[in-house]
Amino acid sequence: VRAAVIVRGRVCLVRERSDGGWTFPGGWADSGESPSEAVARETREEAAIEVRATKLIGLYDRARQGHPPHPEYIYKAIFACDQVVPAEPHASGETDGAAFFDPFELPELSAGRTTLRQIARAFEHHADPSLATDFD
């Protein structure tokens, strides 16, 4: 699960310790956890902000999204999320950076986690919440 948190035209990204790349906050859902609970927990753990999932932007086959190969077969669920309490994101025990970024000044992405196209789609869905959920 990944959280697309867009506030005042900027997107929240976290820097992964493993590769130094930036990504939407997110990760694996725990057993028995709903997708919306998982995305809120992952965002709290990685960016130290509280969010609420409002819409499923897309459910993607990871292998078809231009990510590098992975030994496990993965579906990526990207959710539009509203910030519950206004606050600046910050690094946590799982990440070494967290910030809001202008879409035209994005840092280097973690290729295995988030693509430029996924960020662009998040902004499109933010601008027009009536867009249908993407899937492949």
Protein backbone atom coordinates (compact mmCIF):
# COMPACT_ATOMS: atom_id res chain seq x y z
CA VAL A 1 0.00 0.00 0.00
CA ARG A 2 1.18 3.54 -0.75
CA ALA A 3 -0.21 6.91 0.39
CA ALA A 4 -0.53 9.85 -2.00
CA VAL A 5 -0.80 12.78 0.41
CA ILE A 6 -1.10 16.06 -1.46
CA VAL A 7 -1.34 19.27 0.54
CA ARG A 8 -1.28 22.78 -0.98
CA GLY A 9 -0.07 21.39 -4.30
CA ARG A 10 2.84 19.42 -2.84
CA VAL A 11 3.19 15.65 -2.39
CA CYS A 12 4.56 13.89 0.68
CA LEU A 13 7.50 11.60 -0.05
CA VAL A 14 9.83 9.65 2.22
CA ARG A 15 13.46 8.68 1.58
CA GLU A 16 14.12 4.95 1.83
CA ARG A 17 17.13 3.89 3.89
CA SER A 18 17.77 0.90 1.61
CA ASP A 19 18.41 2.81 -1.63
CA GLY A 20 18.28 6.53 -0.79
CA GLY A 21 15.41 7.06 -3.22
CA TRP A 22 12.17 8.84 -2.45
CA THR A 23 8.70 7.28 -2.55
CA PHE A 24 5.12 7.63 -1.41
CA PRO A 25 4.94 6.49 2.23
CA GLY A 26 3.86 2.87 2.39
CA GLY A 27 4.78 -0.76 2.60
CA TRP A 28 3.37 -4.20 3.31
CA ALA A 29 -0.06 -4.61 4.86
CA ASP A 30 -0.12 -6.75 7.99
CA SER A 31 -2.24 -9.88 8.21
CA GLY A 32 -5.79 -9.00 9.27
CA GLU A 33 -5.29 -5.30 8.54
CA SER A 34 -7.55 -3.52 6.07
CA PRO A 35 -5.89 -1.62 3.22
CA SER A 36 -6.99 1.74 4.63
CA GLU A 37 -5.64 0.83 8.07
CA ALA A 38 -2.37 -0.33 6.52
CA VAL A 39 -1.81 2.86 4.53
CA ALA A 40 -2.55 5.04 7.58
CA ARG A 41 -0.17 2.98 9.76
CA GLU A 42 2.60 2.94 7.16
CA THR A 43 2.35 6.71 6.70
CA ARG A 44 2.46 7.28 10.46
CA GLU A 45 5.48 4.97 10.76
CA GLU A 46 7.40 6.40 7.79
CA ALA A 47 6.47 10.11 7.69
CA ALA A 48 5.14 10.73 11.24
CA ILE A 49 1.88 12.22 9.96
CA GLU A 50 -1.69 11.06 10.49
CA VAL A 51 -3.74 10.40 7.36
CA ARG A 52 -7.07 8.95 6.32
CA ALA A 53 -7.50 7.12 3.03
CA THR A 54 -10.22 8.75 0.93
CA LYS A 55 -9.97 6.99 -2.42
CA LEU A 56 -8.21 4.12 -4.14
CA ILE A 57 -6.30 5.83 -6.96
CA GLY A 58 -5.02 2.64 -8.50
CA LEU A 59 -4.45 -1.06 -8.07
CA TYR A 60 -1.46 -2.00 -10.18
CA ASP A 61 0.46 -5.11 -11.12
CA ARG A 62 3.95 -4.05 -10.00
CA ALA A 63 5.61 -5.97 -12.83
CA ARG A 64 3.72 -3.91 -15.42
CA GLN A 65 4.54 -0.49 -14.00
CA GLY A 66 8.18 -0.16 -15.02
CA HIS A 67 9.63 -1.18 -11.66
CA PRO A 68 12.76 -3.35 -11.52
CA PRO A 69 12.16 -7.10 -11.08
CA HIS A 70 11.24 -8.37 -7.61
CA PRO A 71 11.35 -11.97 -6.33
CA GLU A 72 7.76 -11.76 -5.04
CA TYR A 73 4.70 -11.04 -7.14
CA ILE A 74 3.16 -7.77 -5.92
CA TYR A 75 0.04 -5.70 -6.46
CA LYS A 76 0.45 -2.04 -5.50
CA ALA A 77 -2.53 -0.19 -4.04
CA ILE A 78 -2.10 3.59 -4.11
CA PHE A 79 -4.55 5.59 -2.01
CA ALA A 80 -5.37 9.27 -2.01
CA CYS A 81 -5.08 10.32 1.62
CA ASP A 82 -6.08 13.42 3.55
CA GLN A 83 -3.88 14.64 6.35
CA VAL A 84 -5.90 14.42 9.58
CA VAL A 85 -3.86 16.98 11.54
CA PRO A 86 -1.72 19.58 9.75
CA ALA A 87 1.95 18.81 10.40
CA GLU A 88 5.20 18.63 8.50
CA PRO A 89 6.40 15.08 7.82
CA HIS A 90 9.71 14.00 9.27
CA ALA A 91 12.00 10.99 9.19
CA SER A 92 11.28 8.02 11.38
CA GLY A 93 12.97 4.78 12.35
CA GLU A 94 12.08 3.37 8.93
CA THR A 95 13.08 6.34 6.75
CA ASP A 96 15.86 8.88 6.75
CA GLY A 97 13.87 11.75 5.25
CA ALA A 98 10.31 12.95 4.76
CA ALA A 99 9.02 16.15 3.17
CA PHE A 100 6.45 17.71 0.88
CA PHE A 101 7.65 18.33 -2.68
CA ASP A 102 6.46 20.45 -5.57
CA PRO A 103 5.59 18.13 -8.49
CA PHE A 104 8.09 19.98 -10.70
CA GLU A 105 10.95 19.64 -8.21
CA LEU A 106 10.84 15.98 -7.27
CA PRO A 107 13.91 14.26 -5.82
CA GLU A 108 15.32 11.01 -7.24
CA LEU A 109 12.71 8.31 -6.77
CA SER A 110 13.08 4.81 -5.39
CA ALA A 111 12.48 2.98 -8.68
CA GLY A 112 11.22 -0.16 -6.99
CA ARG A 113 8.53 1.69 -5.09
CA THR A 114 7.13 4.74 -6.90
CA THR A 115 7.23 5.98 -10.49
CA LEU A 116 6.84 9.47 -11.95
CA ARG A 117 3.69 8.26 -13.70
CA GLN A 118 2.17 7.15 -10.38
CA ILE A 119 2.89 10.57 -8.87
CA ALA A 120 1.37 12.27 -11.93
CA ARG A 121 -1.76 10.11 -11.61
CA ALA A 122 -2.03 11.03 -7.93
CA PHE A 123 -2.06 14.72 -8.89
CA GLU A 124 -4.64 14.05 -11.62
CA HIS A 125 -6.90 12.25 -9.14
CA HIS A 126 -6.35 15.04 -6.61
CA ALA A 127 -7.46 17.62 -9.18
CA ASP A 128 -10.46 15.52 -10.26
CA PRO A 129 -11.71 13.18 -7.52
CA SER A 130 -14.40 11.85 -9.87
CA LEU A 131 -11.79 9.94 -11.91
CA ALA A 132 -12.33 6.20 -11.83
CA THR A 133 -9.84 3.96 -10.02
CA ASP A 134 -6.97 2.87 -12.26
CA PHE A 135 -6.13 -0.80 -12.66
CA ASP A 136 -4.29 -2.97 -15.12
